[in-house]
Amino acid sequence: MKIKGLRWWMVGLVSAGLIVNYLARNTLSVAAPTLMKDLHITVEQYSHIVVAWQLCYAFMQPVAGYLLDAIGTKIGFGVFALLWSLACAAAAWSTGWQSLAFFRGLLGLTEAAGIPAGVKSTTEWFPAKERSVAIGWFNIGSSVGALLAPPLVVWALMHGQWQWAFLIVGALGVIWSALWMLFYRHPRDHKGLSESERDYILSGQEAKYNNAGSAKRKWTEMVRSRDFWAIGIPRILSEPAWQTFNAWIPLYMMTERHMNLKEVAMFAWMPFLAADIGCVLGGYLSPLFHKYAKVSLFTSRKMVFVFGALCMVGPACVGFVASPYVAIALLCIGGFAHQTLSGALYSITSDMFGKNEVATATGMGGMAGYLGAAAFTALFGVLVTQVGYSPLFVLLAVFDIAAAVVVCLLARSGERVPQPRWMPASAAAK
C-alpha cells in the first residue's frame, strides 16, 4: 500500500521523537520541588545535577553525530532513544543527589543524538527546497515536549510519587523507539513510498549535492577563524537563558512565587508555547526586514537577533513585579525572545559557512553553548541562595545583548547570500 505524502508522516515521527526527548529532559525541573524535599537535596546540589546533564550533552554532541553517520539513522536513532528512555526511568531509583546526577548524566549522553538524528533523517527524506520547512516542523517537537512536561509530571505527582513521572516518560520513550524501528526506512527502501514521491525526493537531493562547493576546512582551522567565534561567542552567551528556563522555572514558581502543583501545571508550560511562536515568527521576520528595511538578507538576520536580544529585557524585569501571573508573562517574553534569536543565529551560521562546513560549525557552536550554560548553571546554583533569582534574570538579558553586539561586529556573510536586484552595493556589503 502506497501512502501519499509519506515524507511528511516521517517528519511527524521524528517530531514525536523530539517530544519524548524533551519530555525526558524537562521531567526533572517539574518534579524538582518534590524530589528535592524527599531526597534532602539543596539548591546548590540541584544545580550540580543539572550541570551533569549539560556537560554530558555538550561533549557527546559531536560523538553522537559521528555514530549516527557510521551506523545509520534507523539503528542509531532507535538505539539512542531506547537508551535515553532507560536512563530517564532509572532516575526513579535515585537515593540522593549523587545518584540522580549520575542518571541525568547518562540521559545527557544519550539525548545528545536527538537533534543530529532529526536533521539527518529530514536530510534523507526531503529534497533541498523543502528541507528547511521539514527541520522547522520537527524542531517544534522540542518546545512541545517542554510544554507538555508540567501537566504530565504534575498529574503523576498528584496520583502517585515523583518516581512515577520518570517511569511514565521512560515508558513513552520505549514505545516510540519500537515505533521508529517498525516504521522508519530510508526512502530508497520504504515500500509505502510511491515511485513518483521517491523520485521527487532523491532527484531534489542530487540536484543540491551535485552543486560545486567550497573546500571543507579542518575543525582546528575553523576554531581559529573569526567566522566560528562570531557564532561561538553568541552561542555561549545566549544558551544559558534557555537552559535556565528549562531547569529552573517550575522551582522558581513554587519557591519564589509560592504556587502550588496545580498552578505549576497550569502555567509552567506557557513560556515554551511562547518559544514555539518565536520559532515560527522569527523565521518570518528576516524576509520582512529584508524587504521593508531594504537591507541585505544577512543584515536582516542580524536585525532579528538584535530584536530577540532586546526582548530579553522582559524577563529581566521579573523582580520588579509583584504578581506571579505578570512574572509568568515576562518569562513568556523570554521564551519567545530566545527562540527568535536562536533561529536567527542558525540562519547566520548557514550564511557564513559552506554546505560542507555548516553542520560541523553548528555542532561545535552547540557544544560551546552548552558548556557556557553548564558554567552559568553552576554559578546560578550558588548565587540564587545568596542574591535570589531576580539579579540572575537581569544577567541573562545582559548576556544576550552582549551576544547581539558580538554578532553585529564579527559576523560576515561572505559571498554566499544572494542579494536582490534592487540592492545597492553599499547595503549588500553590510
Protein backbone atom coordinates (compact mmCIF):
# COMPACT_ATOMS: atom_id res chain seq x y z
CA MET A 1 0.00 0.00 0.00
CA LYS A 2 1.39 3.37 -1.06
CA ILE A 3 0.98 6.30 1.34
CA LYS A 4 0.57 9.76 -0.17
CA GLY A 5 2.95 12.38 1.20
CA LEU A 6 4.85 9.78 3.23
CA ARG A 7 7.78 12.15 3.81
CA TRP A 8 5.52 14.34 5.97
CA TRP A 9 4.49 11.30 8.04
CA MET A 10 8.20 10.62 8.56
CA VAL A 11 8.84 14.14 9.81
CA GLY A 12 5.87 13.69 12.15
CA LEU A 13 7.50 10.55 13.53
CA VAL A 14 10.76 12.46 14.05
CA SER A 15 8.89 15.29 15.79
CA ALA A 16 7.26 12.77 18.13
CA GLY A 17 10.74 11.51 19.00
CA LEU A 18 11.87 15.05 19.86
CA ILE A 19 8.77 15.49 22.03
CA VAL A 20 9.74 12.40 24.03
CA ASN A 21 13.34 13.63 24.13
CA TYR A 22 12.37 16.96 25.68
CA LEU A 23 9.83 15.37 27.99
CA ALA A 24 12.67 13.31 29.45
CA ARG A 25 14.96 16.28 29.97
CA ASN A 26 12.22 18.52 31.44
CA THR A 27 10.79 15.92 33.82
CA LEU A 28 13.42 16.80 36.43
CA SER A 29 12.66 20.52 36.59
CA VAL A 30 8.93 19.96 37.18
CA ALA A 31 9.46 17.19 39.74
CA ALA A 32 12.35 19.06 41.42
CA PRO A 33 10.46 20.68 44.33
CA THR A 34 9.00 17.33 45.41
CA LEU A 35 12.06 15.11 44.94
CA MET A 36 14.39 17.72 46.47
CA LYS A 37 12.30 17.53 49.63
CA ASP A 38 12.16 13.73 49.64
CA LEU A 39 15.87 13.24 48.90
CA HIS A 40 17.04 16.22 51.00
CA ILE A 41 18.69 17.93 48.02
CA THR A 42 19.79 21.55 48.37
CA VAL A 43 19.51 24.18 45.63
CA GLU A 44 23.27 24.06 45.06
CA GLN A 45 23.20 20.27 44.76
CA TYR A 46 20.30 20.56 42.31
CA SER A 47 22.49 22.81 40.16
CA HIS A 48 25.17 20.09 40.17
CA ILE A 49 22.59 17.62 38.86
CA VAL A 50 21.63 19.97 36.04
CA VAL A 51 25.29 20.62 35.19
CA ALA A 52 25.92 16.85 34.96
CA TRP A 53 23.30 16.60 32.21
CA GLN A 54 24.56 19.72 30.40
CA LEU A 55 28.22 18.68 30.35
CA CYS A 56 27.47 15.16 29.14
CA TYR A 57 25.11 16.51 26.48
CA ALA A 58 27.67 19.09 25.31
CA PHE A 59 30.62 16.73 24.91
CA MET A 60 28.52 13.95 23.39
CA GLN A 61 27.05 16.04 20.53
CA PRO A 62 29.91 15.58 18.03
CA VAL A 63 30.34 11.93 19.07
CA ALA A 64 26.63 11.20 18.58
CA GLY A 65 26.73 12.74 15.12
CA TYR A 66 29.68 10.57 14.14
CA LEU A 67 27.97 7.41 15.42
CA LEU A 68 24.77 8.22 13.55
CA ASP A 69 26.72 8.61 10.32
CA ALA A 70 28.56 5.35 10.99
CA ILE A 71 25.63 3.05 11.84
CA GLY A 72 22.77 4.81 10.05
CA THR A 73 19.71 6.80 11.04
CA LYS A 74 17.31 3.97 11.76
CA ILE A 75 19.51 1.92 14.09
CA GLY A 76 21.29 4.95 15.53
CA PHE A 77 18.21 6.98 16.47
CA GLY A 78 16.32 3.92 17.68
CA VAL A 79 19.15 2.73 19.95
CA PHE A 80 19.86 6.19 21.36
CA ALA A 81 16.14 6.74 22.06
CA LEU A 82 15.88 3.40 23.86
CA LEU A 83 18.94 4.26 25.95
CA TRP A 84 17.73 7.72 26.92
CA SER A 85 14.35 6.25 27.86
CA LEU A 86 16.00 3.70 30.16
CA ALA A 87 18.23 6.42 31.64
CA CYS A 88 15.17 8.57 32.32
CA ALA A 89 13.32 5.71 34.01
CA ALA A 90 16.42 4.76 36.04
CA ALA A 91 16.26 8.14 37.81
CA ALA A 92 13.28 6.74 39.75
CA TRP A 93 15.77 4.66 41.75
CA SER A 94 17.84 7.66 42.84
CA THR A 95 18.58 7.84 46.56
CA GLY A 96 20.41 11.17 46.70
CA TRP A 97 21.80 13.95 44.57
CA GLN A 98 24.89 11.97 43.52
CA SER A 99 22.92 9.05 42.09
CA LEU A 100 20.44 11.41 40.45
CA ALA A 101 23.32 13.35 38.88
CA PHE A 102 24.74 10.07 37.56
CA PHE A 103 21.46 9.06 35.90
CA ARG A 104 20.96 12.55 34.47
CA GLY A 105 24.49 12.42 33.08
CA LEU A 106 23.59 9.18 31.31
CA LEU A 107 20.48 10.92 29.99
CA GLY A 108 22.61 13.74 28.59
CA LEU A 109 24.96 11.32 26.86
CA THR A 110 22.11 9.55 25.09
CA GLU A 111 19.84 12.55 24.40
CA ALA A 112 22.64 14.33 22.54
CA ALA A 113 21.70 12.31 19.46
CA GLY A 114 18.20 13.80 19.21
CA ILE A 115 18.83 16.92 17.13
CA PRO A 116 21.57 15.41 14.88
CA ALA A 117 19.32 12.41 14.18
CA GLY A 118 16.40 14.69 13.36
CA VAL A 119 18.47 16.72 10.91
CA LYS A 120 19.92 13.58 9.34
CA SER A 121 16.53 11.91 8.87
CA THR A 122 14.97 15.01 7.29
CA THR A 123 18.02 15.26 5.02
CA GLU A 124 17.30 11.71 3.86
CA TRP A 125 13.60 12.25 3.35
CA PHE A 126 13.33 15.74 1.84
CA PRO A 127 14.60 17.47 -1.29
CA ALA A 128 16.75 20.52 -0.74
CA LYS A 129 13.99 23.06 -1.35
CA GLU A 130 11.75 21.59 1.38
CA ARG A 131 14.38 20.71 3.94
CA SER A 132 14.26 23.93 5.98
CA VAL A 133 10.49 23.59 6.32
CA ALA A 134 10.83 19.99 7.45
CA ILE A 135 13.51 20.85 10.01
CA GLY A 136 11.30 23.64 11.33
CA TRP A 137 8.44 21.21 11.87
CA PHE A 138 10.49 18.56 13.63
CA ASN A 139 12.19 21.21 15.78
CA ILE A 140 8.80 22.27 17.15
CA GLY A 141 8.85 18.92 18.95
CA SER A 142 11.48 20.30 21.32
CA SER A 143 9.24 23.07 22.62
CA VAL A 144 6.14 20.84 22.60
CA GLY A 145 7.95 18.36 24.83
CA ALA A 146 8.89 21.13 27.26
CA LEU A 147 5.30 22.39 27.06
CA LEU A 148 3.76 19.01 27.90
CA ALA A 149 6.12 18.19 30.77
CA PRO A 150 4.46 20.31 33.51
CA PRO A 151 0.90 18.91 33.23
CA LEU A 152 2.11 15.34 32.70
CA VAL A 153 4.57 15.35 35.59
CA VAL A 154 2.21 17.15 37.97
CA TRP A 155 -0.50 14.60 37.14
CA ALA A 156 1.95 11.83 38.02
CA LEU A 157 2.91 13.58 41.27
CA MET A 158 -0.71 14.04 42.30
CA HIS A 159 -1.61 10.41 41.60
CA GLY A 160 1.47 8.73 42.98
CA GLN A 161 5.06 9.59 43.82
CA TRP A 162 7.70 11.60 41.97
CA GLN A 163 9.24 8.35 40.70
CA TRP A 164 6.16 7.77 38.56
CA ALA A 165 6.97 10.78 36.40
CA PHE A 166 10.33 9.34 35.32
CA LEU A 167 8.89 5.87 34.78
CA ILE A 168 5.98 7.14 32.64
CA VAL A 169 8.20 9.28 30.42
CA GLY A 170 10.70 6.43 30.12
CA ALA A 171 7.92 4.08 29.04
CA LEU A 172 6.76 6.57 26.39
CA GLY A 173 10.29 6.64 25.03
CA VAL A 174 10.47 2.86 24.81
CA ILE A 175 7.17 2.81 22.89
CA TRP A 176 8.42 5.47 20.47
CA SER A 177 11.67 3.53 19.93
CA ALA A 178 9.65 0.48 18.90
CA LEU A 179 7.52 2.56 16.51
CA TRP A 180 10.65 4.08 15.00
CA MET A 181 12.26 0.71 14.36
CA LEU A 182 8.99 -0.59 12.91
CA PHE A 183 8.17 2.26 10.51
CA TYR A 184 11.35 4.11 9.61
CA ARG A 185 13.17 3.24 6.40
CA HIS A 186 15.37 5.18 4.03
CA PRO A 187 13.25 6.44 1.09
CA ARG A 188 15.15 4.11 -1.24
CA ASP A 189 13.87 1.11 0.76
CA HIS A 190 10.42 2.13 2.04
CA LYS A 191 7.68 0.01 0.47
CA GLY A 192 4.97 2.53 1.33
CA LEU A 193 6.61 5.27 -0.74
CA SER A 194 5.28 5.84 -4.24
CA GLU A 195 7.74 5.90 -7.12
CA SER A 196 6.83 9.48 -8.00
CA GLU A 197 7.50 10.72 -4.46
CA ARG A 198 10.71 8.71 -4.25
CA ASP A 199 11.95 10.26 -7.50
CA TYR A 200 10.91 13.70 -6.25
CA ILE A 201 12.90 13.28 -3.02
CA LEU A 202 16.04 11.71 -4.46
CA SER A 203 16.29 13.89 -7.54
CA GLY A 204 15.92 17.00 -5.39
CA GLN A 205 18.73 15.83 -3.15
CA GLU A 206 21.03 15.01 -6.05
CA ALA A 207 20.47 18.43 -7.58
CA LYS A 208 21.73 20.02 -4.39
CA TYR A 209 24.62 17.70 -3.66
CA ASN A 210 26.00 17.95 -7.19
CA ASN A 211 26.49 21.70 -6.83
CA ALA A 212 30.11 22.67 -6.50
CA GLY A 213 31.00 23.98 -3.07
CA SER A 214 33.94 25.35 -1.19
CA ALA A 215 36.52 23.00 0.26
CA LYS A 216 35.91 21.91 3.84
CA ARG A 217 38.33 23.25 6.41
CA LYS A 218 39.65 21.16 9.26
CA TRP A 219 37.87 21.74 12.54
CA THR A 220 41.09 23.09 14.02
CA GLU A 221 41.19 25.75 11.30
CA MET A 222 37.53 26.59 11.88
CA VAL A 223 38.05 27.05 15.62
CA ARG A 224 40.81 29.57 14.93
CA SER A 225 38.73 31.53 12.43
CA ARG A 226 36.83 34.76 13.06
CA ASP A 227 33.75 33.18 11.49
CA PHE A 228 33.49 30.49 14.17
CA TRP A 229 33.85 32.89 17.09
CA ALA A 230 31.25 35.17 15.50
CA ILE A 231 28.74 32.39 16.22
CA GLY A 232 30.52 30.58 19.08
CA ILE A 233 30.67 33.54 21.47
CA PRO A 234 26.97 34.45 20.94
CA ARG A 235 26.04 30.79 21.48
CA ILE A 236 28.00 30.73 24.76
CA LEU A 237 26.28 33.94 25.89
CA SER A 238 22.73 33.09 24.79
CA GLU A 239 22.37 29.39 25.66
CA PRO A 240 22.31 29.95 29.48
CA ALA A 241 18.91 31.66 29.16
CA TRP A 242 17.22 28.66 27.51
CA GLN A 243 18.78 26.17 29.91
CA THR A 244 17.73 28.32 32.86
CA PHE A 245 14.14 28.38 31.63
CA ASN A 246 14.17 24.60 31.17
CA ALA A 247 15.72 23.77 34.55
CA TRP A 248 14.53 26.46 36.94
CA ILE A 249 11.12 27.91 36.02
CA PRO A 250 8.97 25.36 37.96
CA LEU A 251 11.23 25.66 41.02
CA TYR A 252 11.13 29.45 40.76
CA MET A 253 7.34 29.43 40.55
CA MET A 254 6.99 27.30 43.69
CA THR A 255 9.74 28.77 45.88
CA GLU A 256 9.62 32.44 44.89
CA ARG A 257 6.04 32.88 43.68
CA HIS A 258 4.52 30.33 46.11
CA MET A 259 2.47 28.49 43.51
CA ASN A 260 1.15 25.01 44.23
CA LEU A 261 1.46 21.98 41.96
CA LYS A 262 -1.84 22.68 40.18
CA GLU A 263 -0.76 26.23 39.38
CA VAL A 264 2.59 24.98 38.11
CA ALA A 265 0.74 22.58 35.82
CA MET A 266 -1.44 25.45 34.60
CA PHE A 267 1.30 28.00 33.92
CA ALA A 268 4.79 26.43 33.63
CA TRP A 269 4.19 25.35 30.02
CA MET A 270 3.37 28.86 28.79
CA PRO A 271 6.96 30.11 28.22
CA PHE A 272 7.51 27.12 25.95
CA LEU A 273 4.36 27.88 23.95
CA ALA A 274 5.76 31.38 23.52
CA ALA A 275 9.03 29.78 22.43
CA ASP A 276 7.16 27.90 19.68
CA ILE A 277 5.75 31.22 18.47
CA GLY A 278 9.28 32.62 18.47
CA CYS A 279 10.46 29.72 16.30
CA VAL A 280 7.84 30.45 13.66
CA LEU A 281 7.61 34.25 13.82
CA GLY A 282 11.37 34.67 13.97
CA GLY A 283 11.65 32.84 10.67
CA TYR A 284 9.30 35.33 9.00
CA LEU A 285 10.91 38.45 10.49
CA SER A 286 14.10 38.13 8.44
CA PRO A 287 12.41 38.38 5.00
CA LEU A 288 10.21 41.19 6.33
CA PHE A 289 13.23 43.21 7.47
CA HIS A 290 14.95 42.31 4.20
CA LYS A 291 12.06 43.63 2.14
CA TYR A 292 10.87 46.68 4.03
CA ALA A 293 14.11 47.92 5.62
CA LYS A 294 15.91 47.37 2.29
CA VAL A 295 18.93 45.68 3.81
CA SER A 296 20.79 42.54 2.75
CA LEU A 297 19.47 39.16 3.84
CA PHE A 298 22.47 38.76 6.10
CA THR A 299 21.85 42.10 7.78
CA SER A 300 18.21 41.14 8.26
CA ARG A 301 19.36 38.04 10.20
CA LYS A 302 21.38 40.30 12.48
CA MET A 303 18.35 42.54 12.97
CA VAL A 304 16.26 39.55 14.07
CA PHE A 305 18.97 38.56 16.56
CA VAL A 306 19.08 42.10 17.96
CA PHE A 307 15.27 42.14 18.21
CA GLY A 308 15.29 38.88 20.19
CA ALA A 309 18.08 40.09 22.47
CA LEU A 310 16.19 43.31 23.26
CA CYS A 311 13.07 41.30 24.11
CA MET A 312 15.11 39.63 26.88
CA VAL A 313 14.57 42.85 28.83
CA GLY A 314 11.15 41.32 29.63
CA PRO A 315 12.36 38.51 31.93
CA ALA A 316 14.99 40.88 33.35
CA CYS A 317 12.09 42.83 34.88
CA VAL A 318 10.64 39.81 36.73
CA GLY A 319 11.97 41.04 40.06
CA PHE A 320 10.11 44.34 39.75
CA VAL A 321 6.61 42.84 39.57
CA ALA A 322 4.55 41.56 42.49
CA SER A 323 2.00 39.47 40.58
CA PRO A 324 3.09 35.89 39.81
CA TYR A 325 0.96 36.00 36.66
CA VAL A 326 2.77 39.07 35.35
CA ALA A 327 6.01 37.25 36.16
CA ILE A 328 4.89 34.31 34.01
CA ALA A 329 4.02 36.73 31.20
CA LEU A 330 7.53 38.20 31.37
CA LEU A 331 9.06 34.71 31.29
CA CYS A 332 6.92 34.02 28.20
CA ILE A 333 8.56 37.02 26.56
CA GLY A 334 11.88 35.43 27.47
CA GLY A 335 10.97 32.11 25.84
CA PHE A 336 9.82 33.93 22.71
CA ALA A 337 12.98 36.05 22.70
CA HIS A 338 15.40 33.17 22.99
CA GLN A 339 13.92 31.04 20.21
CA THR A 340 13.73 34.10 17.96
CA LEU A 341 17.41 34.94 18.35
CA SER A 342 18.45 31.27 18.37
CA GLY A 343 16.82 30.67 14.99
CA ALA A 344 18.45 33.82 13.63
CA LEU A 345 21.85 32.56 14.80
CA TYR A 346 21.33 29.25 12.96
CA SER A 347 20.49 31.23 9.81
CA ILE A 348 23.59 33.38 10.27
CA THR A 349 25.66 30.21 10.62
CA SER A 350 24.27 28.78 7.38
CA ASP A 351 25.09 32.06 5.61
CA MET A 352 28.67 32.18 6.87
CA PHE A 353 29.71 28.57 6.30
CA GLY A 354 29.60 26.46 3.16
CA LYS A 355 27.46 23.36 2.79
CA ASN A 356 30.43 21.16 3.69
CA GLU A 357 31.14 23.08 6.89
CA VAL A 358 27.79 24.22 8.26
CA ALA A 359 26.96 21.04 10.19
CA THR A 360 30.40 20.96 11.80
CA ALA A 361 30.17 24.63 12.68
CA THR A 362 26.67 24.20 14.12
CA GLY A 363 27.75 21.21 16.22
CA MET A 364 30.82 22.96 17.59
CA GLY A 365 28.78 26.07 18.30
CA GLY A 366 26.20 23.94 20.12
CA MET A 367 28.90 22.34 22.25
CA ALA A 368 30.29 25.77 23.13
CA GLY A 369 26.79 26.96 24.05
CA TYR A 370 26.08 24.04 26.37
CA LEU A 371 29.45 24.43 28.06
CA GLY A 372 28.58 28.08 28.68
CA ALA A 373 25.17 27.02 30.00
CA ALA A 374 26.76 24.47 32.34
CA ALA A 375 29.13 27.10 33.75
CA PHE A 376 26.25 29.51 34.31
CA THR A 377 24.10 26.81 35.92
CA ALA A 378 26.88 26.03 38.40
CA LEU A 379 27.11 29.75 39.21
CA PHE A 380 23.31 30.03 39.34
CA GLY A 381 23.03 27.27 41.94
CA VAL A 382 25.43 29.08 44.25
CA LEU A 383 24.23 32.66 43.78
CA VAL A 384 20.47 32.01 43.81
CA THR A 385 20.62 31.24 47.55
CA GLN A 386 22.55 34.47 48.19
CA VAL A 387 21.10 37.11 45.85
CA GLY A 388 17.87 35.45 44.64
CA TYR A 389 16.56 34.89 41.13
CA SER A 390 15.93 38.47 40.00
CA PRO A 391 19.56 39.66 39.53
CA LEU A 392 20.35 36.47 37.64
CA PHE A 393 17.49 37.04 35.20
CA VAL A 394 18.93 40.53 34.62
CA LEU A 395 22.32 38.95 33.94
CA LEU A 396 20.78 36.67 31.29
CA ALA A 397 19.45 39.74 29.45
CA VAL A 398 22.88 41.38 29.64
CA PHE A 399 24.44 38.24 28.16
CA ASP A 400 22.03 38.22 25.21
CA ILE A 401 22.52 41.92 24.48
CA ALA A 402 26.29 41.38 24.59
CA ALA A 403 25.81 38.46 22.18
CA ALA A 404 23.95 40.78 19.79
CA VAL A 405 26.88 43.22 19.87
CA VAL A 406 29.29 40.39 19.02
CA VAL A 407 27.12 39.23 16.12
CA CYS A 408 26.89 42.75 14.70
CA LEU A 409 30.64 43.34 14.97
CA LEU A 410 32.10 39.96 13.98
CA ALA A 411 29.64 38.16 11.70
CA ARG A 412 30.36 38.45 7.97
CA SER A 413 28.33 36.93 5.19
CA GLY A 414 31.00 36.37 2.57
CA GLU A 415 29.51 35.88 -0.89
CA ARG A 416 27.03 33.07 -0.17
CA VAL A 417 23.87 35.10 0.38
CA PRO A 418 22.17 36.18 -2.87
CA GLN A 419 21.18 39.85 -2.99
CA PRO A 420 18.01 41.24 -4.59
CA ARG A 421 18.31 43.19 -7.82
CA TRP A 422 17.34 46.48 -6.19
CA MET A 423 20.05 46.17 -3.51
CA PRO A 424 22.64 48.98 -3.71
CA ALA A 425 26.25 47.88 -3.38
CA SER A 426 26.67 49.73 -0.07
CA ALA A 427 23.78 47.84 1.55
CA ALA A 428 24.87 44.48 0.15
CA ALA A 429 28.24 44.92 1.81
CA LYS A 430 26.75 45.23 5.30
